[in-house]
Amino acid sequence: MQTDSLDTIYRALGDPSRRAMLQQLADARSLTVSELAAPLPLAMPTVLKHLAVLERAALVSRHKTGRTVRVTLQPAALTEAMAWLQRTEAFWTGRLDRLAVVVASPRPSGPPPSEEEPP
């Protein structure tokens, strides 16, 4: 996955209203724009702007039938973003485990080493 694509996805996920929309779609898979907007405390123009951001990130698609616009979750982009997170998690987990060992290891007893005064 390209970095630009990941940036777009994570920017889209950065807003709580957009995450709420995605959660609704995860539960229902497909909703009309009105159904998606109903539980949100947002005006319809704001909902449409949020949908445009989600669509640019390839997280949702919109399909118009007559006067009804349905929004459908597109999980492929989330799958790719999740794969990146899992690779990153593996990297950091190993490092944090090693840090935990260092922090938990006993420290030498006695006075701390003296520091020489600067000349």
PDB file of N, CA and C in Angstrom:
ATOM      1  N   MET A   1       0.849  -1.183   0.000  1.00  0.00           N
ATOM      2  CA  MET A   1       0.000   0.000   0.000  1.00  0.00           C
ATOM      3  C   MET A   1       0.890   1.239   0.000  1.00  0.00           C
ATOM      4  N   GLN A   2       0.505   2.247  -0.741  1.00  0.00           N
ATOM      5  CA  GLN A   2       1.279   3.473  -0.808  1.00  0.00           C
ATOM      6  C   GLN A   2       1.072   4.309   0.442  1.00  0.00           C
ATOM      7  N   THR A   3       2.116   5.072   0.792  1.00  0.00           N
ATOM      8  CA  THR A   3       2.043   5.929   1.966  1.00  0.00           C
ATOM      9  C   THR A   3       0.919   6.953   1.829  1.00  0.00           C
ATOM     10  N   ASP A   4       0.742   7.530   0.629  1.00  0.00           N
ATOM     11  CA  ASP A   4      -0.326   8.516   0.422  1.00  0.00           C
ATOM     12  C   ASP A   4      -1.689   7.912   0.733  1.00  0.00           C
ATOM     13  N   SER A   5      -1.883   6.683   0.321  1.00  0.00           N
ATOM     14  CA  SER A   5      -3.143   6.003   0.566  1.00  0.00           C
ATOM     15  C   SER A   5      -3.363   5.780   2.058  1.00  0.00           C
ATOM     16  N   LEU A   6      -2.323   5.329   2.759  1.00  0.00           N
ATOM     17  CA  LEU A   6      -2.435   5.151   4.211  1.00  0.00           C
ATOM     18  C   LEU A   6      -2.707   6.471   4.909  1.00  0.00           C
ATOM     19  N   ASP A   7      -2.030   7.522   4.480  1.00  0.00           N
ATOM     20  CA  ASP A   7      -2.258   8.843   5.076  1.00  0.00           C
ATOM     21  C   ASP A   7      -3.712   9.266   4.914  1.00  0.00           C
ATOM     22  N   THR A   8      -4.260   9.037   3.728  1.00  0.00           N
ATOM     23  CA  THR A   8      -5.648   9.409   3.460  1.00  0.00           C
ATOM     24  C   THR A   8      -6.604   8.603   4.341  1.00  0.00           C
ATOM     25  N   ILE A   9      -6.330   7.320   4.481  1.00  0.00           N
ATOM     26  CA  ILE A   9      -7.185   6.464   5.314  1.00  0.00           C
ATOM     27  C   ILE A   9      -7.132   6.909   6.771  1.00  0.00           C
ATOM     28  N   TYR A  10      -5.920   7.109   7.296  1.00  0.00           N
ATOM     29  CA  TYR A  10      -5.818   7.471   8.707  1.00  0.00           C
ATOM     30  C   TYR A  10      -6.340   8.877   8.984  1.00  0.00           C
ATOM     31  N   ARG A  11      -6.218   9.782   8.018  1.00  0.00           N
ATOM     32  CA  ARG A  11      -6.835  11.103   8.182  1.00  0.00           C
ATOM     33  C   ARG A  11      -8.355  10.962   8.248  1.00  0.00           C
ATOM     34  N   ALA A  12      -8.906  10.115   7.398  1.00  0.00           N
ATOM     35  CA  ALA A  12     -10.360   9.900   7.397  1.00  0.00           C
ATOM     36  C   ALA A  12     -10.809   9.281   8.723  1.00  0.00           C
ATOM     37  N   LEU A  13     -10.019   8.369   9.261  1.00  0.00           N
ATOM     38  CA  LEU A  13     -10.368   7.717  10.528  1.00  0.00           C
ATOM     39  C   LEU A  13     -10.141   8.626  11.734  1.00  0.00           C
ATOM     40  N   GLY A  14      -9.472   9.748  11.524  1.00  0.00           N
ATOM     41  CA  GLY A  14      -9.133  10.640  12.624  1.00  0.00           C
ATOM     42  C   GLY A  14     -10.303  11.440  13.175  1.00  0.00           C
ATOM     43  N   ASP A  15     -11.426  11.423  12.505  1.00  0.00           N
ATOM     44  CA  ASP A  15     -12.575  12.215  12.947  1.00  0.00           C
ATOM     45  C   ASP A  15     -13.626  11.303  13.593  1.00  0.00           C
ATOM     46  N   PRO A  16     -14.091  11.656  14.794  1.00  0.00           N
ATOM     47  CA  PRO A  16     -15.070  10.793  15.474  1.00  0.00           C
ATOM     48  C   PRO A  16     -16.395  10.633  14.718  1.00  0.00           C
ATOM     49  N   SER A  17     -16.825  11.643  13.995  1.00  0.00           N
ATOM     50  CA  SER A  17     -18.072  11.522  13.231  1.00  0.00           C
ATOM     51  C   SER A  17     -17.907  10.508  12.105  1.00  0.00           C
ATOM     52  N   ARG A  18     -16.752  10.540  11.436  1.00  0.00           N
ATOM     53  CA  ARG A  18     -16.516   9.578  10.361  1.00  0.00           C
ATOM     54  C   ARG A  18     -16.382   8.160  10.908  1.00  0.00           C
ATOM     55  N   ARG A  19     -15.744   8.031  12.080  1.00  0.00           N
ATOM     56  CA  ARG A  19     -15.651   6.701  12.693  1.00  0.00           C
ATOM     57  C   ARG A  19     -17.040   6.189  13.072  1.00  0.00           C
ATOM     58  N   ALA A  20     -17.909   7.080  13.539  1.00  0.00           N
ATOM     59  CA  ALA A  20     -19.281   6.685  13.881  1.00  0.00           C
ATOM     60  C   ALA A  20     -20.021   6.214  12.623  1.00  0.00           C
ATOM     61  N   MET A  21     -19.819   6.904  11.520  1.00  0.00           N
ATOM     62  CA  MET A  21     -20.442   6.486  10.263  1.00  0.00           C
ATOM     63  C   MET A  21     -19.954   5.101   9.856  1.00  0.00           C
ATOM     64  N   LEU A  22     -18.653   4.884   9.957  1.00  0.00           N
ATOM     65  CA  LEU A  22     -18.104   3.579   9.592  1.00  0.00           C
ATOM     66  C   LEU A  22     -18.637   2.481  10.502  1.00  0.00           C
ATOM     67  N   GLN A  23     -18.811   2.798  11.778  1.00  0.00           N
ATOM     68  CA  GLN A  23     -19.358   1.805  12.705  1.00  0.00           C
ATOM     69  C   GLN A  23     -20.788   1.435  12.330  1.00  0.00           C
ATOM     70  N   GLN A  24     -21.570   2.447  11.977  1.00  0.00           N
ATOM     71  CA  GLN A  24     -22.942   2.173  11.541  1.00  0.00           C
ATOM     72  C   GLN A  24     -22.952   1.271  10.309  1.00  0.00           C
ATOM     73  N   LEU A  25     -22.050   1.573   9.377  1.00  0.00           N
ATOM     74  CA  LEU A  25     -21.988   0.769   8.158  1.00  0.00           C
ATOM     75  C   LEU A  25     -21.461  -0.635   8.436  1.00  0.00           C
ATOM     76  N   ALA A  26     -20.577  -0.769   9.400  1.00  0.00           N
ATOM     77  CA  ALA A  26     -20.083  -2.096   9.765  1.00  0.00           C
ATOM     78  C   ALA A  26     -21.219  -2.942  10.324  1.00  0.00           C
ATOM     79  N   ASP A  27     -22.132  -2.306  11.039  1.00  0.00           N
ATOM     80  CA  ASP A  27     -23.272  -3.017  11.616  1.00  0.00           C
ATOM     81  C   ASP A  27     -24.334  -3.346  10.563  1.00  0.00           C
ATOM     82  N   ALA A  28     -24.555  -2.418   9.617  1.00  0.00           N
ATOM     83  CA  ALA A  28     -25.643  -2.578   8.646  1.00  0.00           C
ATOM     84  C   ALA A  28     -25.158  -2.929   7.248  1.00  0.00           C
ATOM     85  N   ARG A  29     -23.892  -2.712   6.971  1.00  0.00           N
ATOM     86  CA  ARG A  29     -23.249  -2.962   5.680  1.00  0.00           C
ATOM     87  C   ARG A  29     -23.603  -1.923   4.623  1.00  0.00           C
ATOM     88  N   SER A  30     -24.870  -1.518   4.539  1.00  0.00           N
ATOM     89  CA  SER A  30     -25.289  -0.524   3.556  1.00  0.00           C
ATOM     90  C   SER A  30     -26.461   0.264   4.127  1.00  0.00           C
ATOM     91  N   LEU A  31     -26.386   1.591   4.006  1.00  0.00           N
ATOM     92  CA  LEU A  31     -27.445   2.476   4.499  1.00  0.00           C
ATOM     93  C   LEU A  31     -27.655   3.593   3.496  1.00  0.00           C
ATOM     94  N   THR A  32     -28.860   4.187   3.536  1.00  0.00           N
ATOM     95  CA  THR A  32     -29.060   5.402   2.758  1.00  0.00           C
ATOM     96  C   THR A  32     -28.339   6.534   3.490  1.00  0.00           C
ATOM     97  N   VAL A  33     -28.081   7.607   2.785  1.00  0.00           N
ATOM     98  CA  VAL A  33     -27.428   8.760   3.405  1.00  0.00           C
ATOM     99  C   VAL A  33     -28.286   9.264   4.567  1.00  0.00           C
ATOM    100  N   SER A  34     -29.590   9.292   4.383  1.00  0.00           N
ATOM    101  CA  SER A  34     -30.485   9.758   5.459  1.00  0.00           C
ATOM    102  C   SER A  34     -30.405   8.854   6.678  1.00  0.00           C
ATOM    103  N   GLU A  35     -30.379   7.539   6.466  1.00  0.00           N
ATOM    104  CA  GLU A  35     -30.258   6.602   7.582  1.00  0.00           C
ATOM    105  C   GLU A  35     -28.922   6.780   8.307  1.00  0.00           C
ATOM    106  N   LEU A  36     -27.900   7.013   7.533  1.00  0.00           N
ATOM    107  CA  LEU A  36     -26.565   7.210   8.107  1.00  0.00           C
ATOM    108  C   LEU A  36     -26.500   8.504   8.908  1.00  0.00           C
ATOM    109  N   ALA A  37     -27.168   9.547   8.427  1.00  0.00           N
ATOM    110  CA  ALA A  37     -27.130  10.859   9.071  1.00  0.00           C
ATOM    111  C   ALA A  37     -28.030  10.942  10.306  1.00  0.00           C
ATOM    112  N   ALA A  38     -29.084  10.134  10.350  1.00  0.00           N
ATOM    113  CA  ALA A  38     -30.106  10.262  11.397  1.00  0.00           C
ATOM    114  C   ALA A  38     -29.547  10.301  12.821  1.00  0.00           C
ATOM    115  N   PRO A  39     -28.681   9.391  13.242  1.00  0.00           N
ATOM    116  CA  PRO A  39     -28.231   9.424  14.634  1.00  0.00           C
ATOM    117  C   PRO A  39     -27.125  10.452  14.915  1.00  0.00           C
ATOM    118  N   LEU A  40     -26.641  11.111  13.880  1.00  0.00           N
ATOM    119  CA  LEU A  40     -25.538  12.051  14.064  1.00  0.00           C
ATOM    120  C   LEU A  40     -26.043  13.467  14.327  1.00  0.00           C
ATOM    121  N   PRO A  41     -25.364  14.198  15.206  1.00  0.00           N
ATOM    122  CA  PRO A  41     -25.777  15.584  15.487  1.00  0.00           C
ATOM    123  C   PRO A  41     -25.175  16.559  14.467  1.00  0.00           C
ATOM    124  N   LEU A  42     -25.307  16.210  13.192  1.00  0.00           N
ATOM    125  CA  LEU A  42     -24.694  17.013  12.128  1.00  0.00           C
ATOM    126  C   LEU A  42     -25.740  17.396  11.096  1.00  0.00           C
ATOM    127  N   ALA A  43     -25.536  18.551  10.476  1.00  0.00           N
ATOM    128  CA  ALA A  43     -26.390  18.968   9.373  1.00  0.00           C
ATOM    129  C   ALA A  43     -26.039  18.126   8.143  1.00  0.00           C
ATOM    130  N   MET A  44     -26.987  17.955   7.247  1.00  0.00           N
ATOM    131  CA  MET A  44     -26.774  17.116   6.066  1.00  0.00           C
ATOM    132  C   MET A  44     -25.564  17.563   5.232  1.00  0.00           C
ATOM    133  N   PRO A  45     -25.329  18.868   5.016  1.00  0.00           N
ATOM    134  CA  PRO A  45     -24.135  19.252   4.251  1.00  0.00           C
ATOM    135  C   PRO A  45     -22.837  18.766   4.918  1.00  0.00           C
ATOM    136  N   THR A  46     -22.804  18.764   6.236  1.00  0.00           N
ATOM    137  CA  THR A  46     -21.627  18.283   6.961  1.00  0.00           C
ATOM    138  C   THR A  46     -21.476  16.780   6.785  1.00  0.00           C
ATOM    139  N   VAL A  47     -22.586  16.064   6.846  1.00  0.00           N
ATOM    140  CA  VAL A  47     -22.555  14.611   6.630  1.00  0.00           C
ATOM    141  C   VAL A  47     -22.021  14.315   5.234  1.00  0.00           C
ATOM    142  N   LEU A  48     -22.477  15.054   4.242  1.00  0.00           N
ATOM    143  CA  LEU A  48     -22.027  14.836   2.869  1.00  0.00           C
ATOM    144  C   LEU A  48     -20.539  15.116   2.712  1.00  0.00           C
ATOM    145  N   LYS A  49     -20.032  16.118   3.407  1.00  0.00           N
ATOM    146  CA  LYS A  49     -18.588  16.399   3.359  1.00  0.00           C
ATOM    147  C   LYS A  49     -17.804  15.258   3.993  1.00  0.00           C
ATOM    148  N   HIS A  50     -18.298  14.744   5.111  1.00  0.00           N
ATOM    149  CA  HIS A  50     -17.634  13.605   5.754  1.00  0.00           C
ATOM    150  C   HIS A  50     -17.659  12.378   4.841  1.00  0.00           C
ATOM    151  N   LEU A  51     -18.780  12.164   4.167  1.00  0.00           N
ATOM    152  CA  LEU A  51     -18.869  11.036   3.242  1.00  0.00           C
ATOM    153  C   LEU A  51     -17.877  11.176   2.090  1.00  0.00           C
ATOM    154  N   ALA A  52     -17.671  12.394   1.627  1.00  0.00           N
ATOM    155  CA  ALA A  52     -16.703  12.619   0.549  1.00  0.00           C
ATOM    156  C   ALA A  52     -15.290  12.244   1.012  1.00  0.00           C
ATOM    157  N   VAL A  53     -14.956  12.579   2.248  1.00  0.00           N
ATOM    158  CA  VAL A  53     -13.644  12.219   2.799  1.00  0.00           C
ATOM    159  C   VAL A  53     -13.510  10.696   2.873  1.00  0.00           C
ATOM    160  N   LEU A  54     -14.545  10.029   3.349  1.00  0.00           N
ATOM    161  CA  LEU A  54     -14.514   8.568   3.450  1.00  0.00           C
ATOM    162  C   LEU A  54     -14.432   7.919   2.070  1.00  0.00           C
ATOM    163  N   GLU A  55     -15.101   8.517   1.108  1.00  0.00           N
ATOM    164  CA  GLU A  55     -15.077   7.982  -0.258  1.00  0.00           C
ATOM    165  C   GLU A  55     -13.696   8.162  -0.891  1.00  0.00           C
ATOM    166  N   ARG A  56     -13.067   9.326  -0.675  1.00  0.00           N
ATOM    167  CA  ARG A  56     -11.707   9.550  -1.198  1.00  0.00           C
ATOM    168  C   ARG A  56     -10.713   8.554  -0.608  1.00  0.00           C
ATOM    169  N   ALA A  57     -10.955   8.142   0.631  1.00  0.00           N
ATOM    170  CA  ALA A  57     -10.083   7.169   1.290  1.00  0.00           C
ATOM    171  C   ALA A  57     -10.438   5.731   0.895  1.00  0.00           C
ATOM    172  N   ALA A  58     -11.416   5.564   0.023  1.00  0.00           N
ATOM    173  CA  ALA A  58     -11.881   4.254  -0.450  1.00  0.00           C
ATOM    174  C   ALA A  58     -12.453   3.400   0.682  1.00  0.00           C
ATOM    175  N   LEU A  59     -12.963   4.058   1.723  1.00  0.00           N
ATOM    176  CA  LEU A  59     -13.569   3.342   2.851  1.00  0.00           C
ATOM    177  C   LEU A  59     -15.048   3.076   2.630  1.00  0.00           C
ATOM    178  N   VAL A  60     -15.682   3.889   1.779  1.00  0.00           N
ATOM    179  CA  VAL A  60     -17.096   3.698   1.447  1.00  0.00           C
ATOM    180  C   VAL A  60     -17.293   3.938  -0.044  1.00  0.00           C
ATOM    181  N   SER A  61     -18.412   3.466  -0.538  1.00  0.00           N
ATOM    182  CA  SER A  61     -18.826   3.807  -1.904  1.00  0.00           C
ATOM    183  C   SER A  61     -20.281   4.259  -1.836  1.00  0.00           C
ATOM    184  N   ARG A  62     -20.646   5.116  -2.790  1.00  0.00           N
ATOM    185  CA  ARG A  62     -22.026   5.606  -2.867  1.00  0.00           C
ATOM    186  C   ARG A  62     -22.635   5.163  -4.187  1.00  0.00           C
ATOM    187  N   HIS A  63     -23.895   4.747  -4.122  1.00  0.00           N
ATOM    188  CA  HIS A  63     -24.614   4.326  -5.322  1.00  0.00           C
ATOM    189  C   HIS A  63     -25.975   4.990  -5.321  1.00  0.00           C
ATOM    190  N   LYS A  64     -26.288   5.651  -6.426  1.00  0.00           N
ATOM    191  CA  LYS A  64     -27.569   6.352  -6.524  1.00  0.00           C
ATOM    192  C   LYS A  64     -28.546   5.519  -7.347  1.00  0.00           C
ATOM    193  N   THR A  65     -29.721   5.319  -6.769  1.00  0.00           N
ATOM    194  CA  THR A  65     -30.821   4.653  -7.459  1.00  0.00           C
ATOM    195  C   THR A  65     -32.020   5.579  -7.352  1.00  0.00           C
ATOM    196  N   GLY A  66     -32.380   6.189  -8.461  1.00  0.00           N
ATOM    197  CA  GLY A  66     -33.449   7.191  -8.423  1.00  0.00           C
ATOM    198  C   GLY A  66     -33.002   8.371  -7.573  1.00  0.00           C
ATOM    199  N   ARG A  67     -33.779   8.669  -6.542  1.00  0.00           N
ATOM    200  CA  ARG A  67     -33.418   9.780  -5.650  1.00  0.00           C
ATOM    201  C   ARG A  67     -32.725   9.293  -4.386  1.00  0.00           C
ATOM    202  N   THR A  68     -32.529   8.003  -4.257  1.00  0.00           N
ATOM    203  CA  THR A  68     -31.941   7.430  -3.049  1.00  0.00           C
ATOM    204  C   THR A  68     -30.458   7.141  -3.271  1.00  0.00           C
ATOM    205  N   VAL A  69     -29.647   7.608  -2.338  1.00  0.00           N
ATOM    206  CA  VAL A  69     -28.209   7.335  -2.386  1.00  0.00           C
ATOM    207  C   VAL A  69     -27.878   6.388  -1.233  1.00  0.00           C
ATOM    208  N   ARG A  70     -27.336   5.219  -1.584  1.00  0.00           N
ATOM    209  CA  ARG A  70     -26.927   4.235  -0.587  1.00  0.00           C
ATOM    210  C   ARG A  70     -25.419   4.303  -0.413  1.00  0.00           C
ATOM    211  N   VAL A  71     -25.006   4.144   0.826  1.00  0.00           N
ATOM    212  CA  VAL A  71     -23.578   4.146   1.164  1.00  0.00           C
ATOM    213  C   VAL A  71     -23.231   2.743   1.641  1.00  0.00           C
ATOM    214  N   THR A  72     -22.141   2.205   1.110  1.00  0.00           N
ATOM    215  CA  THR A  72     -21.711   0.855   1.434  1.00  0.00           C
ATOM    216  C   THR A  72     -20.279   0.877   1.941  1.00  0.00           C
ATOM    217  N   LEU A  73     -20.026   0.132   2.987  1.00  0.00           N
ATOM    218  CA  LEU A  73     -18.680   0.005   3.530  1.00  0.00           C
ATOM    219  C   LEU A  73     -17.810  -0.768   2.551  1.00  0.00           C
ATOM    220  N   GLN A  74     -16.582  -0.316   2.369  1.00  0.00           N
ATOM    221  CA  GLN A  74     -15.598  -0.987   1.518  1.00  0.00           C
ATOM    222  C   GLN A  74     -14.441  -1.441   2.414  1.00  0.00           C
ATOM    223  N   PRO A  75     -14.495  -2.652   2.912  1.00  0.00           N
ATOM    224  CA  PRO A  75     -13.530  -3.079   3.927  1.00  0.00           C
ATOM    225  C   PRO A  75     -12.105  -3.293   3.425  1.00  0.00           C
ATOM    226  N   ALA A  76     -11.881  -3.325   2.130  1.00  0.00           N
ATOM    227  CA  ALA A  76     -10.529  -3.589   1.615  1.00  0.00           C
ATOM    228  C   ALA A  76      -9.511  -2.563   2.116  1.00  0.00           C
ATOM    229  N   ALA A  77      -9.887  -1.293   2.128  1.00  0.00           N
ATOM    230  CA  ALA A  77      -8.956  -0.256   2.595  1.00  0.00           C
ATOM    231  C   ALA A  77      -8.651  -0.441   4.078  1.00  0.00           C
ATOM    232  N   LEU A  78      -9.656  -0.814   4.855  1.00  0.00           N
ATOM    233  CA  LEU A  78      -9.422  -1.065   6.281  1.00  0.00           C
ATOM    234  C   LEU A  78      -8.513  -2.272   6.480  1.00  0.00           C
ATOM    235  N   THR A  79      -8.661  -3.280   5.636  1.00  0.00           N
ATOM    236  CA  THR A  79      -7.826  -4.469   5.731  1.00  0.00           C
ATOM    237  C   THR A  79      -6.365  -4.109   5.486  1.00  0.00           C
ATOM    238  N   GLU A  80      -6.117  -3.298   4.472  1.00  0.00           N
ATOM    239  CA  GLU A  80      -4.749  -2.879   4.171  1.00  0.00           C
ATOM    240  C   GLU A  80      -4.166  -2.028   5.295  1.00  0.00           C
ATOM    241  N   ALA A  81      -4.983  -1.133   5.844  1.00  0.00           N
ATOM    242  CA  ALA A  81      -4.508  -0.294   6.955  1.00  0.00           C
ATOM    243  C   ALA A  81      -4.220  -1.151   8.180  1.00  0.00           C
ATOM    244  N   MET A  82      -5.050  -2.145   8.423  1.00  0.00           N
ATOM    245  CA  MET A  82      -4.856  -3.036   9.557  1.00  0.00           C
ATOM    246  C   MET A  82      -3.576  -3.854   9.394  1.00  0.00           C
ATOM    247  N   ALA A  83      -3.281  -4.286   8.181  1.00  0.00           N
ATOM    248  CA  ALA A  83      -2.049  -5.034   7.917  1.00  0.00           C
ATOM    249  C   ALA A  83      -0.831  -4.178   8.261  1.00  0.00           C
ATOM    250  N   TRP A  84      -0.893  -2.893   7.911  1.00  0.00           N
ATOM    251  CA  TRP A  84       0.212  -1.993   8.244  1.00  0.00           C
ATOM    252  C   TRP A  84       0.349  -1.869   9.762  1.00  0.00           C
ATOM    253  N   LEU A  85      -0.780  -1.730  10.448  1.00  0.00           N
ATOM    254  CA  LEU A  85      -0.749  -1.641  11.912  1.00  0.00           C
ATOM    255  C   LEU A  85      -0.164  -2.903  12.544  1.00  0.00           C
ATOM    256  N   GLN A  86      -0.508  -4.061  12.009  1.00  0.00           N
ATOM    257  CA  GLN A  86       0.007  -5.311  12.561  1.00  0.00           C
ATOM    258  C   GLN A  86       1.519  -5.421  12.381  1.00  0.00           C
ATOM    259  N   ARG A  87       2.021  -4.998  11.228  1.00  0.00           N
ATOM    260  CA  ARG A  87       3.487  -4.994  11.027  1.00  0.00           C
ATOM    261  C   ARG A  87       4.158  -4.040  12.005  1.00  0.00           C
ATOM    262  N   THR A  88       3.569  -2.887  12.201  1.00  0.00           N
ATOM    263  CA  THR A  88       4.120  -1.906  13.125  1.00  0.00           C
ATOM    264  C   THR A  88       4.053  -2.417  14.558  1.00  0.00           C
ATOM    265  N   GLU A  89       2.962  -3.067  14.909  1.00  0.00           N
ATOM    266  CA  GLU A  89       2.815  -3.621  16.251  1.00  0.00           C
ATOM    267  C   GLU A  89       3.898  -4.668  16.525  1.00  0.00           C
ATOM    268  N   ALA A  90       4.176  -5.520  15.560  1.00  0.00           N
ATOM    269  CA  ALA A  90       5.208  -6.544  15.743  1.00  0.00           C
ATOM    270  C   ALA A  90       6.564  -5.892  15.991  1.00  0.00           C
ATOM    271  N   PHE A  91       6.863  -4.849  15.268  1.00  0.00           N
ATOM    272  CA  PHE A  91       8.126  -4.124  15.438  1.00  0.00           C
ATOM    273  C   PHE A  91       8.232  -3.562  16.858  1.00  0.00           C
ATOM    274  N   TRP A  92       7.195  -2.835  17.290  1.00  0.00           N
ATOM    275  CA  TRP A  92       7.252  -2.175  18.592  1.00  0.00           C
ATOM    276  C   TRP A  92       7.120  -3.149  19.757  1.00  0.00           C
ATOM    277  N   THR A  93       6.370  -4.221  19.591  1.00  0.00           N
ATOM    278  CA  THR A  93       6.214  -5.182  20.673  1.00  0.00           C
ATOM    279  C   THR A  93       7.563  -5.779  21.052  1.00  0.00           C
ATOM    280  N   GLY A  94       8.345  -6.145  20.069  1.00  0.00           N
ATOM    281  CA  GLY A  94       9.673  -6.694  20.343  1.00  0.00           C
ATOM    282  C   GLY A  94      10.562  -5.705  21.070  1.00  0.00           C
ATOM    283  N   ARG A  95      10.544  -4.486  20.657  1.00  0.00           N
ATOM    284  CA  ARG A  95      11.378  -3.470  21.301  1.00  0.00           C
ATOM    285  C   ARG A  95      10.898  -3.158  22.717  1.00  0.00           C
ATOM    286  N   LEU A  96       9.594  -3.066  22.891  1.00  0.00           N
ATOM    287  CA  LEU A  96       9.067  -2.775  24.227  1.00  0.00           C
ATOM    288  C   LEU A  96       9.295  -3.944  25.181  1.00  0.00           C
ATOM    289  N   ASP A  97       9.241  -5.175  24.663  1.00  0.00           N
ATOM    290  CA  ASP A  97       9.548  -6.338  25.504  1.00  0.00           C
ATOM    291  C   ASP A  97      10.998  -6.277  25.985  1.00  0.00           C
ATOM    292  N   ARG A  98      11.908  -5.921  25.097  1.00  0.00           N
ATOM    293  CA  ARG A  98      13.322  -5.804  25.493  1.00  0.00           C
ATOM    294  C   ARG A  98      13.512  -4.673  26.501  1.00  0.00           C
ATOM    295  N   LEU A  99      12.798  -3.578  26.319  1.00  0.00           N
ATOM    296  CA  LEU A  99      12.881  -2.473  27.265  1.00  0.00           C
ATOM    297  C   LEU A  99      12.372  -2.905  28.637  1.00  0.00           C
ATOM    298  N   ALA A 100      11.300  -3.676  28.680  1.00  0.00           N
ATOM    299  CA  ALA A 100      10.754  -4.152  29.949  1.00  0.00           C
ATOM    300  C   ALA A 100      11.783  -5.014  30.686  1.00  0.00           C
ATOM    301  N   VAL A 101      12.548  -5.820  29.967  1.00  0.00           N
ATOM    302  CA  VAL A 101      13.583  -6.650  30.589  1.00  0.00           C
ATOM    303  C   VAL A 101      14.665  -5.760  31.191  1.00  0.00           C
ATOM    304  N   VAL A 102      15.073  -4.746  30.468  1.00  0.00           N
ATOM    305  CA  VAL A 102      16.114  -3.835  30.964  1.00  0.00           C
ATOM    306  C   VAL A 102      15.619  -3.101  32.203  1.00  0.00           C
ATOM    307  N   VAL A 103      14.396  -2.610  32.161  1.00  0.00           N
ATOM    308  CA  VAL A 103      13.848  -1.860  33.293  1.00  0.00           C
ATOM    309  C   VAL A 103      13.681  -2.766  34.513  1.00  0.00           C
ATOM    310  N   ALA A 104      13.299  -4.012  34.303  1.00  0.00           N
ATOM    311  CA  ALA A 104      13.053  -4.933  35.410  1.00  0.00           C
ATOM    312  C   ALA A 104      14.335  -5.540  35.977  1.00  0.00           C
ATOM    313  N   SER A 105      15.445  -5.446  35.257  1.00  0.00           N
ATOM    314  CA  SER A 105      16.678  -6.068  35.743  1.00  0.00           C
ATOM    315  C   SER A 105      17.216  -5.301  36.951  1.00  0.00           C
ATOM    316  N   PRO A 106      17.856  -6.041  37.901  1.00  0.00           N
ATOM    317  CA  PRO A 106      18.357  -5.376  39.108  1.00  0.00           C
ATOM    318  C   PRO A 106      19.462  -4.378  38.759  1.00  0.00           C
ATOM    319  N   ARG A 107      19.478  -3.350  39.523  1.00  0.00           N
ATOM    320  CA  ARG A 107      20.492  -2.302  39.311  1.00  0.00           C
ATOM    321  C   ARG A 107      21.647  -2.551  40.268  1.00  0.00           C
ATOM    322  N   PRO A 108      22.834  -2.195  39.860  1.00  0.00           N
ATOM    323  CA  PRO A 108      23.978  -2.382  40.763  1.00  0.00           C
ATOM    324  C   PRO A 108      23.785  -1.548  42.032  1.00  0.00           C
ATOM    325  N   SER A 109      24.172  -2.146  43.166  1.00  0.00           N
ATOM    326  CA  SER A 109      24.048  -1.399  44.423  1.00  0.00           C
ATOM    327  C   SER A 109      25.295  -0.568  44.648  1.00  0.00           C
ATOM    328  N   GLY A 110      25.187   0.319  45.558  1.00  0.00           N
ATOM    329  CA  GLY A 110      26.311   1.189  45.866  1.00  0.00           C
ATOM    330  C   GLY A 110      26.057   2.593  45.369  1.00  0.00           C
ATOM    331  N   PRO A 111      26.995   3.483  45.649  1.00  0.00           N
ATOM    332  CA  PRO A 111      26.791   4.876  45.225  1.00  0.00           C
ATOM    333  C   PRO A 111      26.846   4.988  43.711  1.00  0.00           C
ATOM    334  N   PRO A 112      26.121   5.949  43.196  1.00  0.00           N
ATOM    335  CA  PRO A 112      26.156   6.153  41.747  1.00  0.00           C
ATOM    336  C   PRO A 112      27.546   6.614  41.335  1.00  0.00           C
ATOM    337  N   PRO A 113      27.943   6.332  40.119  1.00  0.00           N
ATOM    338  CA  PRO A 113      29.272   6.785  39.676  1.00  0.00           C
ATOM    339  C   PRO A 113      29.337   8.303  39.749  1.00  0.00           C
ATOM    340  N   SER A 114      30.491   8.770  40.185  1.00  0.00           N
ATOM    341  CA  SER A 114      30.654  10.226  40.324  1.00  0.00           C
ATOM    342  C   SER A 114      30.926  10.835  38.959  1.00  0.00           C
ATOM    343  N   GLU A 115      30.426  12.021  38.833  1.00  0.00           N
ATOM    344  CA  GLU A 115      30.682  12.752  37.607  1.00  0.00           C
ATOM    345  C   GLU A 115      31.820  13.711  37.843  1.00  0.00           C
ATOM    346  N   GLU A 116      32.707  13.741  36.898  1.00  0.00           N
ATOM    347  CA  GLU A 116      33.820  14.684  37.031  1.00  0.00           C
ATOM    348  C   GLU A 116      33.304  16.077  36.705  1.00  0.00           C
ATOM    349  N   GLU A 117      33.861  17.049  37.437  1.00  0.00           N
ATOM    350  CA  GLU A 117      33.471  18.412  37.172  1.00  0.00           C
ATOM    351  C   GLU A 117      34.162  18.876  35.888  1.00  0.00           C
ATOM    352  N   PRO A 118      33.483  19.663  35.116  1.00  0.00           N
ATOM    353  CA  PRO A 118      34.106  20.173  33.892  1.00  0.00           C
ATOM    354  C   PRO A 118      35.287  21.075  34.227  1.00  0.00           C
ATOM    355  N   PRO A 119      36.292  21.077  33.351  1.00  0.00           N
ATOM    356  CA  PRO A 119      37.488  21.916  33.601  1.00  0.00           C
ATOM    357  C   PRO A 119      37.196  23.387  33.621  1.00  0.00           C
TER     358      PRO A 119
END
